[in-house]
Structures are given as C-alpha cells and as structure tokens.
C-alpha cells in the first residue's frame, strides 16, 4: 500500500530463460558439438576435386595432364575463386583456410536454421529442439540423392545451403529486397542449388500475391 492509501500491485517479472535457450548460446554451444560428432574430412568424396581446383588456381602449373577436368569445378561457382583470393590475401596455408571456412559454414548453417525456426515456432523449447535436430542430421543424406544435408568438408554447398536458409527466413518475412540480395549470393556461390532456391522464392511470391493456382502449377 502506498502513502496515499492506494493499493498498488507490482506486475510479475517475466522469468529469465536459461542461457542455453539464447540464440547466440545455442549456435556457440552446438557448433563445437557438430565438429566433434560429424568430424572434418577435407578430402572425402568430391572435396578432393574442389581442393584440386583450388590448388590449380593458386598454381596453374599443377595438373598439366587433363587439367580441364580439374578446372571444371571452378568455372561456374565463385567459391573456388573466393577461397583462392583468401589464401593469397592472408598468406595462410590452404589447409588452414579450408578448415576456417568449414567452421564458418557450420556456424552459418546453425544460424540459418535458427533464423527459420524463430519464424516458425513460438515456443523456445520447439526452436531449440529444431536446431538440435538439424545439428544431429548435419551429415544425413537427403532422400533419393547422394547429397548430405551439409558436407563434412568444404565445397560451394557449404555456403549456398546456409544462404538458402536465410533466403527462406527472408521469404517468410516477406522482405523481398533482402530475399533478392541473398538469392543472388546463393546463385553466385552454387548455380545448381541456387536455381532450386529461385523456384522456392517464386512459389512463396505467388502465394503472397494470392495466386494459389499458379503456385500449384509451378509445383506440378
């Protein structure tokens, strides 16, 4: 009761959520777990071709026989050129640059998953479960394909996939300017995957405009 005799009731303070439900803590805690559980295999599968293409960009005298086979991995994507420029600018060994890029891709993937789940779920518990599930399925093959959700090595997909997640979040926000910028980055990084993301954006745009029949036709 106050001095004027008026009964005052203090509003209850919202309960402080545990630190591990904070978005920054989730990414920071899960990134090392992904590295420890799924590992890092820099020369597995098609990573060997990407690394060979990087080495040839850094030293064109390498692979004098059938060099066109190695160069094929660097023609359509900005990934190899970006990695090669990073090596030249930083003067770091290629192995260090590749591992740093891999760690960055893991963090970007988890952040992208977080961006999508924050727009799909209201509950902190649901968001956390979704991100943990994504981390657990990091190297899970996609059904009917020979592609992992995320590769345990560095390729152009290591960055185009997180960018695609941020594109999805921007579409859900109906922020079409941000969507266009991110979509351009996805296409430049990996034209194949980027074309799939273009289809997703067109579908979302048609739904936003109320053209459901056109969206169904696009799906068909």
Protein backbone atom coordinates (compact mmCIF):
# COMPACT_ATOMS: atom_id res chain seq x y z
CA UNK A 1 0.00 0.00 0.00
CA UNK A 2 1.34 3.47 -0.86
CA UNK A 3 1.34 6.52 1.45
CA UNK A 4 -1.88 7.76 -0.21
CA UNK A 5 -3.67 4.61 0.83
CA UNK A 6 -4.00 3.30 -2.73
CA UNK A 7 -3.27 -0.39 -3.13
CA UNK A 8 -0.56 -0.94 -5.73
CA UNK A 9 0.22 -4.28 -7.31
CA UNK A 10 3.56 -4.83 -8.96
CA UNK A 11 3.50 -6.62 -12.28
CA UNK A 12 5.21 -10.02 -12.11
CA UNK A 13 8.62 -10.03 -13.67
CA UNK A 14 8.98 -12.40 -16.63
CA UNK A 15 11.02 -15.47 -15.81
CA UNK A 16 14.52 -15.31 -17.17
CA UNK A 17 15.01 -18.10 -19.66
CA UNK A 18 18.01 -20.42 -19.35
CA UNK A 19 21.16 -19.23 -21.09
CA UNK A 20 21.18 -22.23 -23.45
CA UNK A 21 17.90 -21.01 -24.96
CA UNK A 22 19.56 -17.78 -26.05
CA UNK A 23 20.15 -17.76 -29.83
CA UNK A 24 23.82 -16.85 -29.54
CA UNK A 25 24.49 -19.50 -26.92
CA UNK A 26 22.75 -22.16 -28.97
CA UNK A 27 24.95 -21.57 -32.00
CA UNK A 28 28.07 -21.25 -29.85
CA UNK A 29 27.36 -24.48 -27.97
CA UNK A 30 26.22 -26.56 -30.92
CA UNK A 31 28.99 -25.62 -33.37
CA UNK A 32 31.74 -27.47 -31.41
CA UNK A 33 29.38 -30.42 -30.95
CA UNK A 34 28.83 -30.64 -34.71
CA UNK A 35 32.60 -30.56 -35.27
CA UNK A 36 33.21 -33.31 -32.71
CA UNK A 37 30.32 -35.58 -33.75
CA UNK A 38 30.41 -35.25 -37.53
CA UNK A 39 34.10 -34.50 -37.91
CA UNK A 40 36.01 -32.78 -40.65
CA UNK A 41 37.11 -34.75 -43.74
CA UNK A 42 38.72 -32.25 -46.13
CA UNK A 43 39.44 -34.67 -48.99
CA UNK A 44 36.44 -37.00 -48.90
CA UNK A 45 34.14 -37.53 -51.88
CA UNK A 46 34.01 -34.54 -54.26
CA UNK A 47 36.02 -32.39 -51.85
CA UNK A 48 39.14 -33.78 -53.48
CA UNK A 49 38.06 -32.24 -56.79
CA UNK A 50 37.29 -28.88 -55.19
CA UNK A 51 40.66 -28.83 -53.42
CA UNK A 52 42.43 -29.79 -56.64
CA UNK A 53 40.69 -26.92 -58.41
CA UNK A 54 41.78 -24.54 -55.65
CA UNK A 55 45.37 -25.70 -55.89
CA UNK A 56 45.36 -25.21 -59.66
CA UNK A 57 44.02 -21.67 -59.25
CA UNK A 58 46.86 -20.95 -56.84
CA UNK A 59 49.45 -22.68 -59.04
CA UNK A 60 48.41 -23.08 -62.71
CA UNK A 61 51.41 -25.32 -63.37
CA UNK A 62 49.78 -28.15 -61.42
CA UNK A 63 47.95 -31.00 -63.17
CA UNK A 64 49.33 -30.41 -66.68
CA UNK A 65 47.60 -33.59 -67.88
CA UNK A 66 43.81 -33.45 -68.02
CA UNK A 67 43.79 -30.08 -66.30
CA UNK A 68 40.38 -29.33 -67.84
CA UNK A 69 38.87 -31.99 -65.57
CA UNK A 70 40.14 -30.12 -62.52
CA UNK A 71 39.16 -26.72 -63.91
CA UNK A 72 35.56 -27.86 -64.39
CA UNK A 73 34.97 -27.43 -60.65
CA UNK A 74 35.88 -23.75 -60.73
CA UNK A 75 34.09 -22.43 -63.83
CA UNK A 76 30.54 -21.83 -62.62
CA UNK A 77 30.94 -21.02 -58.93
CA UNK A 78 32.55 -18.10 -57.13
CA UNK A 79 33.50 -20.40 -54.25
CA UNK A 80 36.88 -21.55 -55.57
CA UNK A 81 37.92 -18.04 -56.60
CA UNK A 82 36.90 -16.67 -53.20
CA UNK A 83 38.95 -19.31 -51.38
CA UNK A 84 41.94 -18.72 -53.66
CA UNK A 85 41.77 -14.96 -53.05
CA UNK A 86 41.58 -15.59 -49.30
CA UNK A 87 44.76 -17.66 -49.43
CA UNK A 88 46.58 -15.00 -51.43
CA UNK A 89 45.47 -12.14 -49.20
CA UNK A 90 46.02 -13.82 -45.83
CA UNK A 91 49.14 -15.81 -46.88
CA UNK A 92 47.80 -18.69 -44.78
CA UNK A 93 48.21 -22.33 -45.81
CA UNK A 94 45.34 -23.68 -47.87
CA UNK A 95 44.56 -26.30 -45.22
CA UNK A 96 44.05 -23.60 -42.58
CA UNK A 97 41.81 -21.56 -44.86
CA UNK A 98 39.70 -24.61 -45.68
CA UNK A 99 39.25 -25.55 -42.02
CA UNK A 100 38.38 -21.96 -41.09
CA UNK A 101 35.84 -21.89 -43.92
CA UNK A 102 34.38 -25.17 -42.67
CA UNK A 103 33.95 -23.82 -39.13
CA UNK A 104 32.34 -20.69 -40.57
CA UNK A 105 29.95 -22.80 -42.65
CA UNK A 106 28.89 -24.78 -39.56
CA UNK A 107 28.13 -21.57 -37.67
CA UNK A 108 26.29 -20.13 -40.69
CA UNK A 109 24.20 -23.29 -41.06
CA UNK A 110 23.13 -23.26 -37.42
CA UNK A 111 22.39 -19.52 -37.60
CA UNK A 112 20.32 -20.10 -40.75
CA UNK A 113 18.35 -22.87 -39.03
CA UNK A 114 17.79 -20.53 -36.11
CA UNK A 115 16.54 -17.79 -38.44
CA UNK A 116 13.96 -20.15 -39.93
CA UNK A 117 12.83 -21.76 -36.67
CA UNK A 118 12.37 -18.37 -34.99
CA UNK A 119 9.72 -17.61 -37.62
CA UNK A 120 8.02 -21.00 -37.49
CA UNK A 121 7.78 -21.68 -33.76
CA UNK A 122 6.73 -19.55 -30.81
CA UNK A 123 7.99 -21.84 -28.06
CA UNK A 124 11.66 -21.63 -27.08
CA UNK A 125 11.64 -25.38 -26.48
CA UNK A 126 10.37 -26.06 -30.02
CA UNK A 127 13.01 -23.80 -31.52
CA UNK A 128 15.77 -25.47 -29.51
CA UNK A 129 14.60 -28.96 -30.47
CA UNK A 130 14.51 -27.98 -34.15
CA UNK A 131 18.06 -26.60 -34.09
CA UNK A 132 19.40 -29.60 -32.16
CA UNK A 133 17.71 -31.91 -34.69
CA UNK A 134 19.35 -30.01 -37.56
CA UNK A 135 22.73 -30.34 -35.85
CA UNK A 136 22.18 -34.08 -35.35
CA UNK A 137 21.25 -34.54 -39.03
CA UNK A 138 24.16 -32.42 -40.28
CA UNK A 139 25.65 -35.17 -42.47
CA UNK A 140 22.41 -37.05 -43.14
CA UNK A 141 21.89 -37.92 -46.84
CA UNK A 142 18.87 -36.33 -48.47
CA UNK A 143 16.29 -38.90 -49.52
CA UNK A 144 16.76 -40.15 -53.05
CA UNK A 145 20.03 -38.31 -53.59
CA UNK A 146 23.73 -38.76 -52.92
CA UNK A 147 23.90 -35.36 -51.21
CA UNK A 148 24.32 -34.72 -47.50
CA UNK A 149 22.33 -32.04 -45.73
CA UNK A 150 25.74 -30.46 -45.09
CA UNK A 151 29.05 -31.95 -46.18
CA UNK A 152 31.75 -32.81 -43.60
CA UNK A 153 34.17 -30.84 -45.79
CA UNK A 154 34.22 -27.54 -47.66
CA UNK A 155 32.52 -27.13 -51.01
CA UNK A 156 30.36 -24.48 -52.63
CA UNK A 157 27.34 -26.16 -50.99
CA UNK A 158 28.86 -25.40 -47.58
CA UNK A 159 27.86 -21.78 -48.05
CA UNK A 160 24.99 -21.93 -50.52
CA UNK A 161 22.96 -24.08 -48.11
CA UNK A 162 23.14 -21.61 -45.18
CA UNK A 163 22.39 -18.75 -47.57
CA UNK A 164 19.34 -20.69 -48.79
CA UNK A 165 18.12 -20.92 -45.19
CA UNK A 166 18.41 -17.16 -44.78
CA UNK A 167 16.54 -16.77 -48.09
CA UNK A 168 13.74 -18.87 -46.60
CA UNK A 169 13.65 -16.68 -43.50
CA UNK A 170 13.52 -13.53 -45.64
CA UNK A 171 10.65 -15.01 -47.67
CA UNK A 172 8.70 -15.72 -44.51
CA UNK A 173 9.24 -12.09 -43.51
CA UNK A 174 8.06 -11.03 -46.98
CA UNK A 175 11.24 -8.93 -47.15
CA UNK A 176 11.68 -9.22 -50.90
CA UNK A 177 14.63 -6.85 -51.18
CA UNK A 178 16.66 -8.89 -48.69
CA UNK A 179 15.44 -12.03 -50.41
CA UNK A 180 16.75 -10.83 -53.76
CA UNK A 181 20.20 -9.99 -52.40
CA UNK A 182 20.56 -13.33 -50.62
CA UNK A 183 19.21 -15.17 -53.63
CA UNK A 184 21.87 -13.57 -55.81
CA UNK A 185 24.56 -14.72 -53.38
CA UNK A 186 23.20 -18.26 -53.42
CA UNK A 187 23.23 -18.41 -57.22
CA UNK A 188 26.74 -16.98 -57.45
CA UNK A 189 28.03 -19.43 -54.86
CA UNK A 190 26.34 -22.52 -56.34
CA UNK A 191 24.26 -22.06 -59.51
CA UNK A 192 22.70 -25.53 -59.28
CA UNK A 193 21.39 -25.18 -55.75
CA UNK A 194 20.65 -21.53 -56.38
CA UNK A 195 18.23 -22.46 -59.18
CA UNK A 196 16.28 -24.59 -56.71
CA UNK A 197 16.11 -21.68 -54.30
CA UNK A 198 14.82 -19.47 -57.12
CA UNK A 199 11.91 -21.90 -57.53
CA UNK A 200 11.17 -21.71 -53.81
CA UNK A 201 11.17 -17.91 -53.88
CA UNK A 202 8.82 -17.84 -56.88
CA UNK A 203 6.48 -20.21 -55.07
CA UNK A 204 6.45 -18.01 -51.96
CA UNK A 205 5.93 -14.88 -54.05
CA UNK A 206 2.93 -16.40 -55.84
CA UNK A 207 1.39 -17.44 -52.53
CA UNK A 208 1.95 -13.96 -51.10
CA UNK A 209 0.15 -12.46 -54.10
CA UNK A 210 -2.77 -14.85 -53.63
CA UNK A 211 -2.12 -16.69 -56.90
CA UNK A 212 -2.57 -20.15 -55.44
CA UNK A 213 -3.38 -21.82 -58.77
CA UNK A 214 -0.18 -20.52 -60.31
CA UNK A 215 1.73 -21.79 -57.28
CA UNK A 216 0.18 -25.25 -57.69
CA UNK A 217 1.04 -25.20 -61.39
CA UNK A 218 4.65 -24.35 -60.50
CA UNK A 219 4.77 -27.29 -58.10
CA UNK A 220 3.46 -29.60 -60.82
